């Protein structure tokens, strides 16, 4: 019963924690621009996310070492710095976007400019981590994020007419636009970056250490990664299908969270707006915590520092300083006046360029019998893992030139 409860809780929290600022910015906009022609990217990204999350969790519970600890042992200090630095750079950009996302949600609720909310939001995120423990940090934002299910619910039970037949057809055989091919491909790459941001599974696998996973918990890892991400993808699909249904025919491209919220409002009115804001706030809060914690975890695991969200801060000083400095750096970026939406887009593009550097070491470890024994990758895990690594490598090479050609996505 304990293991069943752990699986159920893991799936629920994975649903509420699936969406972050990247999905909120890109999904409805992609639907508004390309209708259903990018649904296949969401499906592809979710399969990749499931695969690597399960792998990261399995590495931790079988080897009883965290991912970055194993990477340093397997690759050595100098080579191991490559994935570490890639993750830290990406986390910093992502964290800035997530903190701005919380400020945007509060701005919609109270009417105060998001710029004046940046510092209070960052302090709130930091204080929550300083006084909270692992269960609170993992579960509270995820449960707060569940009301975002109002988006797919509005498409099913609201007055919006969705052409489900066309959506299903284009999921398998998408209608690729006859013009702006570069922008279409760049948008697809950014969606992959939004769905497969590495902090999610590094934070997830570190949770195995926080919760003292053992090999007996393999089934918990697999069920949580597969069913949690699968159900969480309903949010991403809902945002894109909602954007396609509401905005595409009117040639409107939503550029703000408030416009994305129209999907929920069209289904449930003022109640839908409240649920949307609560869910979006919970999701982005959870992402802010996960990114900052993941930054401290990566550094602590790589350099051998003591760490843990449930430990007193005086017992994990370097870990605490690391995630605190990450939040401070994100605030400095935002206060410089950089457009948060641009930061989000750039972070998603950079995610794709960084993914091969972070996933290749993980694939090597997952196939290393010394660490994994009989639980190393099987044929299916290897087929999916290496296939995605090739796809991500090609996308990563193409991302920067496409960013230049399209003027950072501006066409």
Protein backbone atom coordinates (compact mmCIF):
# COMPACT_ATOMS: atom_id res chain seq x y z
CA UNK A 1 0.00 0.00 0.00
CA UNK A 2 2.91 2.35 0.74
CA UNK A 3 4.37 1.80 -2.70
CA UNK A 4 0.96 2.24 -4.34
CA UNK A 5 0.46 5.51 -2.45
CA UNK A 6 3.91 6.68 -3.54
CA UNK A 7 3.06 5.93 -7.18
CA UNK A 8 -0.28 7.72 -6.97
CA UNK A 9 1.26 10.78 -5.32
CA UNK A 10 4.13 10.77 -7.81
CA UNK A 11 1.77 10.71 -10.79
CA UNK A 12 -0.39 13.52 -9.37
CA UNK A 13 2.58 15.75 -8.60
CA UNK A 14 4.08 15.03 -12.02
CA UNK A 15 0.85 16.24 -13.65
CA UNK A 16 0.80 19.48 -11.66
CA UNK A 17 4.51 20.03 -12.19
CA UNK A 18 4.61 19.37 -15.94
CA UNK A 19 4.06 22.92 -17.20
CA UNK A 20 6.44 25.82 -16.66
CA UNK A 21 6.89 29.26 -18.18
CA UNK A 22 8.21 27.72 -21.40
CA UNK A 23 5.01 25.80 -22.12
CA UNK A 24 2.81 28.71 -21.04
CA UNK A 25 4.59 31.02 -23.48
CA UNK A 26 4.98 28.70 -26.47
CA UNK A 27 2.13 26.17 -26.61
CA UNK A 28 -0.85 28.43 -27.24
CA UNK A 29 1.25 30.70 -29.49
CA UNK A 30 2.35 27.70 -31.58
CA UNK A 31 -1.28 26.59 -31.91
CA UNK A 32 -2.35 30.11 -32.88
CA UNK A 33 0.34 30.28 -35.57
CA UNK A 34 0.35 26.73 -36.99
CA UNK A 35 -3.04 25.37 -35.88
CA UNK A 36 -2.56 21.63 -35.17
CA UNK A 37 0.61 21.26 -37.27
CA UNK A 38 2.92 21.05 -34.23
CA UNK A 39 0.97 18.60 -32.06
CA UNK A 40 3.40 15.88 -33.16
CA UNK A 41 6.24 17.80 -31.50
CA UNK A 42 4.43 17.72 -28.15
CA UNK A 43 3.92 13.95 -28.46
CA UNK A 44 7.56 13.45 -29.44
CA UNK A 45 8.86 15.62 -26.61
CA UNK A 46 6.73 13.86 -24.00
CA UNK A 47 8.09 10.44 -25.04
CA UNK A 48 11.62 11.80 -24.73
CA UNK A 49 10.86 13.33 -21.34
CA UNK A 50 9.44 10.03 -20.08
CA UNK A 51 12.49 8.12 -21.31
CA UNK A 52 15.12 10.34 -19.75
CA UNK A 53 13.22 10.90 -16.49
CA UNK A 54 12.86 7.15 -15.98
CA UNK A 55 16.55 6.70 -16.79
CA UNK A 56 17.68 9.41 -14.36
CA UNK A 57 15.56 7.93 -11.58
CA UNK A 58 16.81 4.40 -12.31
CA UNK A 59 20.44 5.51 -12.20
CA UNK A 60 19.92 6.99 -8.74
CA UNK A 61 18.00 4.13 -7.19
CA UNK A 62 20.19 1.34 -8.63
CA UNK A 63 23.63 2.89 -8.14
CA UNK A 64 22.62 4.76 -4.96
CA UNK A 65 24.45 7.73 -6.42
CA UNK A 66 23.02 10.92 -7.87
CA UNK A 67 23.36 11.61 -11.58
CA UNK A 68 26.05 14.28 -11.30
CA UNK A 69 27.97 12.24 -8.76
CA UNK A 70 28.07 9.34 -11.21
CA UNK A 71 28.93 11.65 -14.11
CA UNK A 72 32.01 12.94 -12.31
CA UNK A 73 33.09 9.40 -11.45
CA UNK A 74 32.43 8.12 -14.97
CA UNK A 75 33.77 11.07 -16.98
CA UNK A 76 36.35 12.56 -14.65
CA UNK A 77 36.51 16.12 -13.34
CA UNK A 78 37.38 18.03 -16.53
CA UNK A 79 35.04 16.23 -18.91
CA UNK A 80 32.32 16.18 -16.27
CA UNK A 81 32.45 19.98 -16.12
CA UNK A 82 30.92 20.15 -19.63
CA UNK A 83 27.43 18.88 -18.71
CA UNK A 84 27.65 20.69 -15.36
CA UNK A 85 28.34 24.08 -16.94
CA UNK A 86 25.70 23.48 -19.63
CA UNK A 87 23.07 22.75 -16.98
CA UNK A 88 24.07 25.71 -14.79
CA UNK A 89 23.89 28.17 -17.69
CA UNK A 90 20.55 26.84 -18.83
CA UNK A 91 19.18 26.83 -15.27
CA UNK A 92 20.08 30.48 -14.80
CA UNK A 93 18.17 31.56 -17.91
CA UNK A 94 15.24 29.31 -17.04
CA UNK A 95 15.07 30.55 -13.46
CA UNK A 96 14.89 34.17 -14.63
CA UNK A 97 11.98 33.25 -16.90
CA UNK A 98 10.15 31.37 -14.12
CA UNK A 99 10.47 34.19 -11.57
CA UNK A 100 9.15 36.61 -14.19
CA UNK A 101 6.29 34.18 -14.82
CA UNK A 102 5.19 34.29 -11.16
CA UNK A 103 5.37 38.08 -11.26
CA UNK A 104 3.19 38.13 -14.40
CA UNK A 105 0.55 35.93 -12.75
CA UNK A 106 0.44 38.16 -9.65
CA UNK A 107 0.28 41.23 -11.90
CA UNK A 108 -2.89 39.85 -13.49
CA UNK A 109 -4.39 39.28 -10.04
CA UNK A 110 -3.52 42.60 -8.37
CA UNK A 111 -2.77 44.99 -11.24
CA UNK A 112 0.74 45.98 -10.08
CA UNK A 113 3.50 46.05 -12.71
CA UNK A 114 5.45 42.81 -12.84
CA UNK A 115 8.75 44.74 -12.64
CA UNK A 116 8.03 45.83 -9.06
CA UNK A 117 7.09 42.28 -8.13
CA UNK A 118 10.36 40.66 -9.20
CA UNK A 119 12.24 41.18 -5.92
CA UNK A 120 9.31 40.21 -3.62
CA UNK A 121 8.64 37.11 -5.73
CA UNK A 122 12.30 36.07 -5.62
CA UNK A 123 12.42 36.58 -1.85
CA UNK A 124 9.27 34.49 -1.48
CA UNK A 125 10.73 31.66 -3.58
CA UNK A 126 13.95 31.78 -1.53
CA UNK A 127 12.20 31.89 1.86
CA UNK A 128 9.95 28.96 0.93
CA UNK A 129 13.04 26.88 0.25
CA UNK A 130 14.85 28.04 3.39
CA UNK A 131 11.99 27.10 5.72
CA UNK A 132 10.40 24.23 3.78
CA UNK A 133 11.35 20.58 3.45
CA UNK A 134 11.42 18.23 0.49
CA UNK A 135 7.76 17.21 0.72
CA UNK A 136 6.56 20.79 0.85
CA UNK A 137 8.78 21.93 -2.00
CA UNK A 138 7.73 19.03 -4.20
CA UNK A 139 4.05 18.67 -3.39
CA UNK A 140 2.61 22.10 -2.55
CA UNK A 141 3.37 23.79 -5.92
CA UNK A 142 2.39 20.64 -7.84
CA UNK A 143 -1.03 20.47 -6.18
CA UNK A 144 -1.46 24.21 -6.73
CA UNK A 145 -0.71 23.57 -10.41
CA UNK A 146 -3.51 21.03 -10.84
CA UNK A 147 -6.22 23.71 -11.41
CA UNK A 148 -4.50 24.37 -14.76
CA UNK A 149 -6.40 21.28 -15.91
CA UNK A 150 -9.21 23.80 -16.41
CA UNK A 151 -7.64 24.40 -19.86
CA UNK A 152 -8.21 20.91 -21.33
CA UNK A 153 -11.49 20.75 -19.39
CA UNK A 154 -12.68 23.91 -21.16
CA UNK A 155 -12.00 22.27 -24.50
CA UNK A 156 -14.00 19.17 -23.63
CA UNK A 157 -16.92 20.56 -21.61
CA UNK A 158 -16.97 24.23 -22.58
CA UNK A 159 -18.73 25.88 -25.53
CA UNK A 160 -15.55 25.89 -27.62
CA UNK A 161 -15.93 23.76 -30.73
CA UNK A 162 -12.75 21.76 -31.27
CA UNK A 163 -12.21 19.84 -34.48
CA UNK A 164 -10.89 16.72 -32.75
CA UNK A 165 -10.79 14.77 -36.01
CA UNK A 166 -8.45 17.30 -37.58
CA UNK A 167 -6.33 17.41 -34.42
CA UNK A 168 -5.95 13.63 -34.38
CA UNK A 169 -5.16 13.56 -38.10
CA UNK A 170 -2.48 16.25 -37.86
CA UNK A 171 -0.95 14.61 -34.82
CA UNK A 172 0.01 11.76 -37.16
CA UNK A 173 0.29 13.58 -40.52
CA UNK A 174 0.84 17.29 -39.81
CA UNK A 175 0.06 19.94 -42.38
CA UNK A 176 3.45 21.64 -42.74
CA UNK A 177 3.12 25.27 -43.93
CA UNK A 178 4.25 26.01 -47.47
CA UNK A 179 6.15 29.14 -46.36
CA UNK A 180 8.27 30.20 -43.37
CA UNK A 181 9.83 26.76 -43.10
CA UNK A 182 12.72 28.10 -41.03
CA UNK A 183 10.39 29.63 -38.47
CA UNK A 184 8.30 26.45 -38.34
CA UNK A 185 11.38 24.34 -37.60
CA UNK A 186 12.64 26.84 -35.01
CA UNK A 187 9.25 26.79 -33.28
CA UNK A 188 9.34 22.98 -33.22
CA UNK A 189 12.84 23.09 -31.70
CA UNK A 190 11.75 25.59 -29.04
CA UNK A 191 8.81 23.35 -28.10
CA UNK A 192 11.19 20.41 -27.65
CA UNK A 193 13.34 22.63 -25.44
CA UNK A 194 10.31 23.65 -23.37
CA UNK A 195 9.21 20.04 -22.79
CA UNK A 196 12.61 18.42 -22.32
CA UNK A 197 14.36 20.95 -20.07
CA UNK A 198 16.93 18.91 -18.09
CA UNK A 199 16.28 20.41 -14.64
CA UNK A 200 13.06 18.42 -14.40
CA UNK A 201 14.67 14.96 -14.31
CA UNK A 202 17.75 16.02 -12.37
CA UNK A 203 15.41 17.37 -9.69
CA UNK A 204 13.28 14.23 -10.04
CA UNK A 205 16.24 11.86 -9.64
CA UNK A 206 17.56 13.85 -6.68
CA UNK A 207 14.18 13.24 -5.10
CA UNK A 208 15.10 9.56 -5.04
CA UNK A 209 17.90 10.39 -2.64
CA UNK A 210 15.64 12.65 -0.58
CA UNK A 211 13.08 9.85 -0.28
CA UNK A 212 15.68 7.06 0.11
CA UNK A 213 14.70 5.06 -2.95
CA UNK A 214 16.06 1.54 -3.34
CA UNK A 215 15.91 -1.02 -6.14
CA UNK A 216 12.51 -2.06 -4.79
CA UNK A 217 11.20 1.30 -6.01
CA UNK A 218 11.91 0.67 -9.69
CA UNK A 219 8.21 0.29 -10.38
CA UNK A 220 7.51 3.61 -8.61
CA UNK A 221 10.10 5.31 -10.83
CA UNK A 222 8.67 3.86 -14.03
CA UNK A 223 5.02 4.48 -13.22
CA UNK A 224 5.70 8.06 -12.10
CA UNK A 225 7.82 8.91 -15.14
CA UNK A 226 5.53 7.30 -17.71
CA UNK A 227 2.03 7.99 -16.40
CA UNK A 228 2.89 11.28 -14.70
CA UNK A 229 4.40 12.78 -17.83
CA UNK A 230 1.68 11.28 -20.02
CA UNK A 231 -1.11 12.83 -17.97
CA UNK A 232 0.84 16.05 -17.56
CA UNK A 233 1.04 16.32 -21.33
CA UNK A 234 -2.73 16.91 -21.31
CA UNK A 235 -1.91 20.43 -20.14
CA UNK A 236 0.51 21.02 -23.02
CA UNK A 237 -1.88 19.54 -25.59
CA UNK A 238 -4.72 21.60 -24.10
CA UNK A 239 -2.76 24.84 -24.36
CA UNK A 240 -1.82 24.19 -28.00
CA UNK A 241 -5.25 22.95 -29.11
CA UNK A 242 -6.90 25.84 -27.26
CA UNK A 243 -4.62 28.34 -28.98
CA UNK A 244 -5.34 26.74 -32.35
CA UNK A 245 -9.10 26.77 -31.81
CA UNK A 246 -9.46 30.27 -30.34
CA UNK A 247 -6.78 32.27 -32.12
CA UNK A 248 -5.72 30.64 -35.41
CA UNK A 249 -8.74 31.63 -37.52
CA UNK A 250 -8.47 35.23 -36.25
CA UNK A 251 -4.70 35.44 -36.93
CA UNK A 252 -4.09 36.36 -33.29
CA UNK A 253 -0.79 35.32 -31.71
CA UNK A 254 -1.00 35.35 -27.90
CA UNK A 255 2.09 36.97 -26.44
CA UNK A 256 1.11 37.13 -22.78
CA UNK A 257 -0.19 34.76 -20.12
CA UNK A 258 -3.40 36.81 -19.90
CA UNK A 259 -4.24 35.91 -23.50
CA UNK A 260 -3.55 32.23 -22.85
CA UNK A 261 -6.02 32.47 -19.97
CA UNK A 262 -8.79 33.22 -22.47
CA UNK A 263 -8.97 29.48 -23.16
CA UNK A 264 -10.12 28.85 -19.59
CA UNK A 265 -12.34 31.95 -19.54
CA UNK A 266 -14.14 30.88 -22.72
CA UNK A 267 -15.13 27.64 -21.00
CA UNK A 268 -15.88 28.67 -17.43
CA UNK A 269 -15.90 32.46 -17.28
CA UNK A 270 -14.58 34.16 -14.15
CA UNK A 271 -14.19 30.82 -12.38
CA UNK A 272 -12.03 29.62 -15.24
CA UNK A 273 -9.82 32.69 -14.90
CA UNK A 274 -9.33 32.12 -11.17
CA UNK A 275 -8.48 28.46 -11.71
CA UNK A 276 -6.13 29.34 -14.57
CA UNK A 277 -4.24 31.93 -12.50
CA UNK A 278 -3.99 29.58 -9.54
CA UNK A 279 -2.81 26.70 -11.70
CA UNK A 280 -0.36 28.80 -13.72
CA UNK A 281 1.03 30.34 -10.54
CA UNK A 282 1.45 26.92 -8.93
CA UNK A 283 3.18 25.48 -11.99
CA UNK A 284 5.61 28.37 -12.36
CA UNK A 285 6.29 28.47 -8.61
CA UNK A 286 7.11 24.77 -8.73
CA UNK A 287 9.41 25.31 -11.71
CA UNK A 288 11.21 28.17 -9.90
CA UNK A 289 11.84 25.93 -6.91
CA UNK A 290 12.90 22.97 -9.04
CA UNK A 291 15.33 25.03 -11.13
CA UNK A 292 16.98 26.72 -8.15
CA UNK A 293 17.14 23.47 -6.18
CA UNK A 294 18.47 21.64 -9.23
CA UNK A 295 21.26 24.22 -9.48
CA UNK A 296 22.32 23.67 -5.88
CA UNK A 297 21.94 19.89 -6.23
CA UNK A 298 24.09 19.72 -9.37
CA UNK A 299 26.94 21.69 -7.78
CA UNK A 300 26.73 19.84 -4.48
CA UNK A 301 26.63 16.41 -6.11
CA UNK A 302 29.50 17.19 -8.47
CA UNK A 303 31.80 18.67 -5.82
CA UNK A 304 30.77 16.34 -3.00
CA UNK A 305 29.07 18.89 -0.76
CA UNK A 306 26.38 17.91 1.71
CA UNK A 307 22.93 18.76 0.38
CA UNK A 308 19.24 18.14 0.97
CA UNK A 309 16.06 20.20 1.02
CA UNK A 310 14.99 18.68 4.34
CA UNK A 311 18.29 19.37 6.10
CA UNK A 312 18.86 22.47 8.19
CA UNK A 313 20.56 25.23 6.23
CA UNK A 314 23.49 25.31 8.67
CA UNK A 315 24.18 21.66 7.82
CA UNK A 316 24.23 22.30 4.05
CA UNK A 317 25.79 25.79 3.75
CA UNK A 318 27.33 25.44 0.27
CA UNK A 319 24.14 23.94 -1.15
CA UNK A 320 22.05 26.76 0.36
CA UNK A 321 24.43 29.45 -0.91
CA UNK A 322 24.38 27.89 -4.40
CA UNK A 323 20.61 28.03 -4.93
CA UNK A 324 20.41 31.43 -3.19
CA UNK A 325 23.01 32.89 -5.57
CA UNK A 326 21.14 31.39 -8.53
CA UNK A 327 17.99 33.28 -7.46
CA UNK A 328 20.01 36.47 -6.97
CA UNK A 329 21.56 36.15 -10.44
CA UNK A 330 18.12 35.61 -11.99
CA UNK A 331 16.86 38.80 -10.30
CA UNK A 332 19.84 40.77 -11.63
CA UNK A 333 19.05 39.58 -15.17
CA UNK A 334 15.40 40.64 -14.86
CA UNK A 335 16.15 44.00 -13.27
CA UNK A 336 18.47 44.79 -16.19
CA UNK A 337 15.31 45.30 -18.25
CA UNK A 338 15.65 42.29 -20.55
CA UNK A 339 12.32 41.13 -22.00
CA UNK A 340 11.27 38.04 -19.97
CA UNK A 341 9.56 36.50 -23.00
CA UNK A 342 12.81 36.78 -24.96
CA UNK A 343 14.64 35.16 -22.05
CA UNK A 344 12.13 32.32 -22.13
CA UNK A 345 12.52 31.77 -25.87
CA UNK A 346 16.32 31.92 -25.68
CA UNK A 347 16.37 29.51 -22.73
CA UNK A 348 14.31 26.99 -24.71
CA UNK A 349 16.60 27.25 -27.72
CA UNK A 350 19.67 26.95 -25.51
CA UNK A 351 18.05 23.94 -23.81
CA UNK A 352 18.10 22.07 -27.10
CA UNK A 353 21.75 22.97 -27.77
CA UNK A 354 22.69 21.88 -24.23
CA UNK A 355 20.67 18.67 -24.15
CA UNK A 356 23.19 16.45 -26.01
CA UNK A 357 25.95 17.46 -23.57
CA UNK A 358 23.78 16.46 -20.62
CA UNK A 359 22.09 13.37 -22.05
CA UNK A 360 25.11 11.66 -23.60
CA UNK A 361 26.84 11.17 -20.21
CA UNK A 362 23.57 9.91 -18.75
CA UNK A 363 23.21 7.38 -21.57
CA UNK A 364 26.77 6.18 -20.99
CA UNK A 365 26.13 5.70 -17.28
CA UNK A 366 22.78 3.98 -17.88
CA UNK A 367 24.62 1.41 -20.06
CA UNK A 368 27.54 0.93 -17.66
CA UNK A 369 27.27 -2.48 -16.00
CA UNK A 370 29.62 -1.36 -13.23
CA UNK A 371 27.00 1.08 -11.97
CA UNK A 372 23.77 -0.44 -13.21
CA UNK A 373 24.33 -4.23 -13.18
CA UNK A 374 21.33 -6.05 -14.57
CA UNK A 375 19.32 -2.81 -14.51
CA UNK A 376 21.31 -1.14 -17.27
CA UNK A 377 19.41 0.02 -20.34
CA UNK A 378 17.61 -2.65 -22.32
CA UNK A 379 17.03 -2.64 -26.10
CA UNK A 380 13.90 -0.46 -25.89
CA UNK A 381 15.44 2.15 -23.58
CA UNK A 382 18.58 2.28 -25.71
CA UNK A 383 16.63 2.59 -28.96
CA UNK A 384 14.55 5.47 -27.64
CA UNK A 385 17.47 7.10 -25.82
CA UNK A 386 19.96 7.04 -28.70
CA UNK A 387 17.30 8.04 -31.23
CA UNK A 388 16.42 11.10 -29.19
CA UNK A 389 20.08 11.91 -28.70
CA UNK A 390 20.56 11.97 -32.47
CA UNK A 391 17.45 14.10 -32.97
CA UNK A 392 18.50 16.51 -30.23
CA UNK A 393 22.02 16.78 -31.61
CA UNK A 394 20.73 17.68 -35.08
CA UNK A 395 18.24 20.15 -33.56
CA UNK A 396 20.94 21.65 -31.37
CA UNK A 397 23.26 22.22 -34.32
CA UNK A 398 20.45 23.82 -36.33
CA UNK A 399 19.02 25.95 -33.52
CA UNK A 400 21.49 28.84 -33.44
CA UNK A 401 21.62 29.38 -37.25
CA UNK A 402 17.82 29.29 -37.35
CA UNK A 403 17.66 31.80 -34.51
CA UNK A 404 19.83 34.16 -36.56
CA UNK A 405 18.00 33.57 -39.86
CA UNK A 406 14.56 34.22 -38.33
CA UNK A 407 15.68 37.20 -36.27
CA UNK A 408 15.23 35.40 -32.94
CA UNK A 409 11.89 34.02 -34.06
CA UNK A 410 10.59 37.29 -35.38
CA UNK A 411 10.31 36.00 -38.94
